Structures are given as structure tokens and as C-alpha cells.
Amino acid sequence: QVRLVESGGGLVQAGGSLRVSCTTSGLVFSHYNMAWFRQAPGKEREFVAAISWRTGITYYTDSVKGRFTVSRDNARNTVYLQMNSLKPEDTAVYYCAAAFLAQIPSRAAGEYNYWGQGTQVTVSS
């Protein structure tokens, strides 16, 4: 059984930092592109960041470039999202997702095979 479990969300003031983690089980982690998406109340789920299984290259949506960093630890089957200089508009439920052996990490949620349950990140102004 494949499981993706996010942790590390919480409440932080604007300008602060948080690191969210996603630990996986039941899959060969090193063969999956890993991504983070987020969904704010009343909005569609949006792509945030991704990291390639093959090259380790990272991809970001424009609004988080320079503030967020995605990384992975294949030995721990875990992907991380370090979020700095947080803004109130970053408030959302953050989800990790896994896509098997895709050439390039997709920004489309439909391309991902597995999802976590999400972790809430709230940034106060």
C-alpha cells in the first residue's frame, strides 16, 4: 500500500519560515518525481514545486521562486519543502504528490499517481 504523509505545517507570521516534509512508503521513492501543490479556500489546487527523480533538477511556480526550496532524501524516502519569507497569500493546504518515472516533473495535478492527505500552512499578517 502506497502512503504519502505530510508533516510540519502550522501557523507562522509573515516573513517567517516553515519546512514541510512528506514521507513515503510502499513505493520505490527514487523512481518518482515528487511535487508539492497547494490549495487555498475557494481556489483550485495549484502547482508549487517539483524535483526530478532522474536529475534532481527543481521546478517552481513563479510566485515562490527565491523563497521556497524543494529537496529530496532518497535514503529516507522523503521530500521537503523549505518555505522562507512567507506571505499571507501562501496560506493553503499543502499536498505532496508522486509521479512514476516521468521524464520531466509535470505542473499538472492529473499527472501524479499518488497524493498525501495535506498539511495546513497558515501565514498571519
C-alpha atoms as a PDB file:
ATOM      1  CA  GLN A   1       0.000   0.000   0.000  1.00  0.00           C
ATOM      2  CA  VAL A   2       1.397   3.363  -1.046  1.00  0.00           C
ATOM      3  CA  ARG A   3       1.298   6.118   1.545  1.00  0.00           C
ATOM      4  CA  LEU A   4       2.417   9.731   1.439  1.00  0.00           C
ATOM      5  CA  VAL A   5       2.299  11.509   4.794  1.00  0.00           C
ATOM      6  CA  GLU A   6       2.910  15.232   5.108  1.00  0.00           C
ATOM      7  CA  SER A   7       4.010  16.925   8.302  1.00  0.00           C
ATOM      8  CA  GLY A   8       5.426  20.210   9.534  1.00  0.00           C
ATOM      9  CA  GLY A   9       2.623  22.614   8.724  1.00  0.00           C
ATOM     10  CA  GLY A  10       1.452  25.209  11.184  1.00  0.00           C
ATOM     11  CA  LEU A  11       0.903  28.874  11.930  1.00  0.00           C
ATOM     12  CA  VAL A  12       3.661  31.382  11.243  1.00  0.00           C
ATOM     13  CA  GLN A  13       3.896  35.157  10.977  1.00  0.00           C
ATOM     14  CA  ALA A  14       4.555  36.847   7.664  1.00  0.00           C
ATOM     15  CA  GLY A  15       8.266  36.831   6.917  1.00  0.00           C
ATOM     16  CA  GLY A  16       8.807  33.632   8.855  1.00  0.00           C
ATOM     17  CA  SER A  17       9.838  30.150   7.742  1.00  0.00           C
ATOM     18  CA  LEU A  18       8.459  26.629   7.819  1.00  0.00           C
ATOM     19  CA  ARG A  19       9.642  23.303   6.497  1.00  0.00           C
ATOM     20  CA  VAL A  20       7.082  20.723   5.469  1.00  0.00           C
ATOM     21  CA  SER A  21       8.019  17.105   4.898  1.00  0.00           C
ATOM     22  CA  CYS A  22       6.438  14.215   3.022  1.00  0.00           C
ATOM     23  CA  THR A  23       7.476  10.720   3.966  1.00  0.00           C
ATOM     24  CA  THR A  24       6.514   7.919   1.616  1.00  0.00           C
ATOM     25  CA  SER A  25       6.158   4.168   1.888  1.00  0.00           C
ATOM     26  CA  GLY A  26       5.106   1.364  -0.416  1.00  0.00           C
ATOM     27  CA  LEU A  27       6.847   2.725  -3.500  1.00  0.00           C
ATOM     28  CA  VAL A  28      10.350   2.892  -4.939  1.00  0.00           C
ATOM     29  CA  PHE A  29      10.848   6.521  -3.985  1.00  0.00           C
ATOM     30  CA  SER A  30      13.945   7.053  -6.131  1.00  0.00           C
ATOM     31  CA  HIS A  31      11.880   6.324  -9.281  1.00  0.00           C
ATOM     32  CA  TYR A  32       9.285   9.024  -8.659  1.00  0.00           C
ATOM     33  CA  ASN A  33       9.185  12.697  -9.491  1.00  0.00           C
ATOM     34  CA  MET A  34       7.959  14.420  -6.355  1.00  0.00           C
ATOM     35  CA  ALA A  35       5.931  17.611  -6.253  1.00  0.00           C
ATOM     36  CA  TRP A  36       4.211  19.986  -3.894  1.00  0.00           C
ATOM     37  CA  PHE A  37       0.823  21.503  -4.649  1.00  0.00           C
ATOM     38  CA  ARG A  38      -1.325  23.780  -2.547  1.00  0.00           C
ATOM     39  CA  GLN A  39      -4.969  24.678  -2.302  1.00  0.00           C
ATOM     40  CA  ALA A  40      -6.345  27.766  -0.639  1.00  0.00           C
ATOM     41  CA  PRO A  41     -10.007  28.067   0.379  1.00  0.00           C
ATOM     42  CA  GLY A  42     -12.220  28.679  -2.637  1.00  0.00           C
ATOM     43  CA  LYS A  43      -9.350  28.206  -5.096  1.00  0.00           C
ATOM     44  CA  GLU A  44      -8.155  25.416  -7.323  1.00  0.00           C
ATOM     45  CA  ARG A  45      -5.192  23.261  -6.398  1.00  0.00           C
ATOM     46  CA  GLU A  46      -2.029  24.796  -7.829  1.00  0.00           C
ATOM     47  CA  PHE A  47       1.489  23.593  -8.540  1.00  0.00           C
ATOM     48  CA  VAL A  48       4.171  24.892  -6.182  1.00  0.00           C
ATOM     49  CA  ALA A  49       7.401  22.969  -6.773  1.00  0.00           C
ATOM     50  CA  ALA A  50       8.786  19.664  -8.023  1.00  0.00           C
ATOM     51  CA  ILE A  51      12.018  17.700  -8.127  1.00  0.00           C
ATOM     52  CA  SER A  52      13.067  15.198 -10.749  1.00  0.00           C
ATOM     53  CA  TRP A  53      13.776  11.581  -9.801  1.00  0.00           C
ATOM     54  CA  ARG A  54      16.363  11.340 -12.578  1.00  0.00           C
ATOM     55  CA  THR A  55      18.338  14.591 -12.471  1.00  0.00           C
ATOM     56  CA  GLY A  56      17.416  16.236  -9.182  1.00  0.00           C
ATOM     57  CA  ILE A  57      16.512  19.379 -11.118  1.00  0.00           C
ATOM     58  CA  THR A  58      13.934  21.512  -9.358  1.00  0.00           C
ATOM     59  CA  TYR A  59      10.992  23.462 -10.726  1.00  0.00           C
ATOM     60  CA  TYR A  60       8.958  26.242  -9.127  1.00  0.00           C
ATOM     61  CA  THR A  61       5.939  28.346  -9.779  1.00  0.00           C
ATOM     62  CA  ASP A  62       6.911  31.975 -10.245  1.00  0.00           C
ATOM     63  CA  SER A  63       5.313  33.215  -7.033  1.00  0.00           C
ATOM     64  CA  VAL A  64       7.619  31.115  -4.821  1.00  0.00           C
ATOM     65  CA  LYS A  65      10.910  31.327  -6.730  1.00  0.00           C
ATOM     66  CA  GLY A  66      13.693  32.547  -4.486  1.00  0.00           C
ATOM     67  CA  ARG A  67      11.651  31.850  -1.338  1.00  0.00           C
ATOM     68  CA  PHE A  68      10.893  28.107  -1.431  1.00  0.00           C
ATOM     69  CA  THR A  69      13.289  25.201  -1.900  1.00  0.00           C
ATOM     70  CA  VAL A  70      12.270  21.632  -2.701  1.00  0.00           C
ATOM     71  CA  SER A  71      14.682  18.804  -1.899  1.00  0.00           C
ATOM     72  CA  ARG A  72      14.625  15.056  -1.519  1.00  0.00           C
ATOM     73  CA  ASP A  73      16.389  12.427   0.539  1.00  0.00           C
ATOM     74  CA  ASN A  74      16.147   9.101  -1.267  1.00  0.00           C
ATOM     75  CA  ALA A  75      17.609   7.237   1.709  1.00  0.00           C
ATOM     76  CA  ARG A  76      14.743   8.489   3.889  1.00  0.00           C
ATOM     77  CA  ASN A  77      12.052   8.280   1.164  1.00  0.00           C
ATOM     78  CA  THR A  78      11.210  11.863   1.982  1.00  0.00           C
ATOM     79  CA  VAL A  79      10.707  15.102   0.085  1.00  0.00           C
ATOM     80  CA  TYR A  80      10.919  18.507   1.757  1.00  0.00           C
ATOM     81  CA  LEU A  81       9.680  21.995   1.042  1.00  0.00           C
ATOM     82  CA  GLN A  82      11.575  24.741   2.836  1.00  0.00           C
ATOM     83  CA  MET A  83       9.490  27.908   2.824  1.00  0.00           C
ATOM     84  CA  ASN A  84      11.115  31.232   3.695  1.00  0.00           C
ATOM     85  CA  SER A  85       9.850  34.802   3.626  1.00  0.00           C
ATOM     86  CA  LEU A  86       6.318  33.514   3.902  1.00  0.00           C
ATOM     87  CA  LYS A  87       3.418  35.735   2.883  1.00  0.00           C
ATOM     88  CA  PRO A  88      -0.254  35.611   3.856  1.00  0.00           C
ATOM     89  CA  GLU A  89      -1.051  34.552   0.290  1.00  0.00           C
ATOM     90  CA  ASP A  90       0.958  31.360   0.896  1.00  0.00           C
ATOM     91  CA  THR A  91      -1.771  30.213   3.279  1.00  0.00           C
ATOM     92  CA  ALA A  92      -3.153  26.910   1.995  1.00  0.00           C
ATOM     93  CA  VAL A  93      -3.250  23.183   2.487  1.00  0.00           C
ATOM     94  CA  TYR A  94      -0.011  21.810   1.074  1.00  0.00           C
ATOM     95  CA  TYR A  95      -0.049  18.404  -0.614  1.00  0.00           C
ATOM     96  CA  CYS A  96       2.801  16.230  -1.802  1.00  0.00           C
ATOM     97  CA  ALA A  97       2.395  14.088  -4.894  1.00  0.00           C
ATOM     98  CA  ALA A  98       4.351  11.364  -6.675  1.00  0.00           C
ATOM     99  CA  ALA A  99       4.631  10.561 -10.388  1.00  0.00           C
ATOM    100  CA  PHE A 100       6.296   7.366 -11.594  1.00  0.00           C
ATOM    101  CA  LEU A 101       9.295   7.634 -13.977  1.00  0.00           C
ATOM    102  CA  ALA A 102       8.036  10.729 -15.811  1.00  0.00           C
ATOM    103  CA  GLN A 103      10.768  12.349 -17.923  1.00  0.00           C
ATOM    104  CA  ILE A 104      10.141  15.837 -16.553  1.00  0.00           C
ATOM    105  CA  PRO A 105       8.078  16.730 -13.478  1.00  0.00           C
ATOM    106  CA  SER A 106       4.680  17.954 -14.576  1.00  0.00           C
ATOM    107  CA  ARG A 107       2.862  21.016 -13.258  1.00  0.00           C
ATOM    108  CA  ALA A 108      -0.475  19.288 -13.853  1.00  0.00           C
ATOM    109  CA  ALA A 109      -2.064  17.601 -10.863  1.00  0.00           C
ATOM    110  CA  GLY A 110      -3.581  14.945 -13.103  1.00  0.00           C
ATOM    111  CA  GLU A 111      -0.145  13.590 -13.986  1.00  0.00           C
ATOM    112  CA  TYR A 112       0.560  12.434 -10.433  1.00  0.00           C
ATOM    113  CA  ASN A 113      -0.213   8.912  -9.307  1.00  0.00           C
ATOM    114  CA  TYR A 114      -0.263   9.304  -5.541  1.00  0.00           C
ATOM    115  CA  TRP A 115      -1.145  12.059  -3.101  1.00  0.00           C
ATOM    116  CA  GLY A 116      -0.791  12.789   0.578  1.00  0.00           C
ATOM    117  CA  GLN A 117      -3.593  13.974   2.816  1.00  0.00           C
ATOM    118  CA  GLY A 118      -2.241  17.519   3.096  1.00  0.00           C
ATOM    119  CA  THR A 119      -0.903  19.746   5.833  1.00  0.00           C
ATOM    120  CA  GLN A 120      -2.226  23.205   6.699  1.00  0.00           C
ATOM    121  CA  VAL A 121       0.085  26.195   6.438  1.00  0.00           C
ATOM    122  CA  THR A 122      -1.278  29.470   7.763  1.00  0.00           C
ATOM    123  CA  VAL A 123       0.629  32.742   7.466  1.00  0.00           C
ATOM    124  CA  SER A 124      -0.643  35.617   9.566  1.00  0.00           C
ATOM    125  CA  SER A 125      -0.119  39.241   8.587  1.00  0.00           C
END
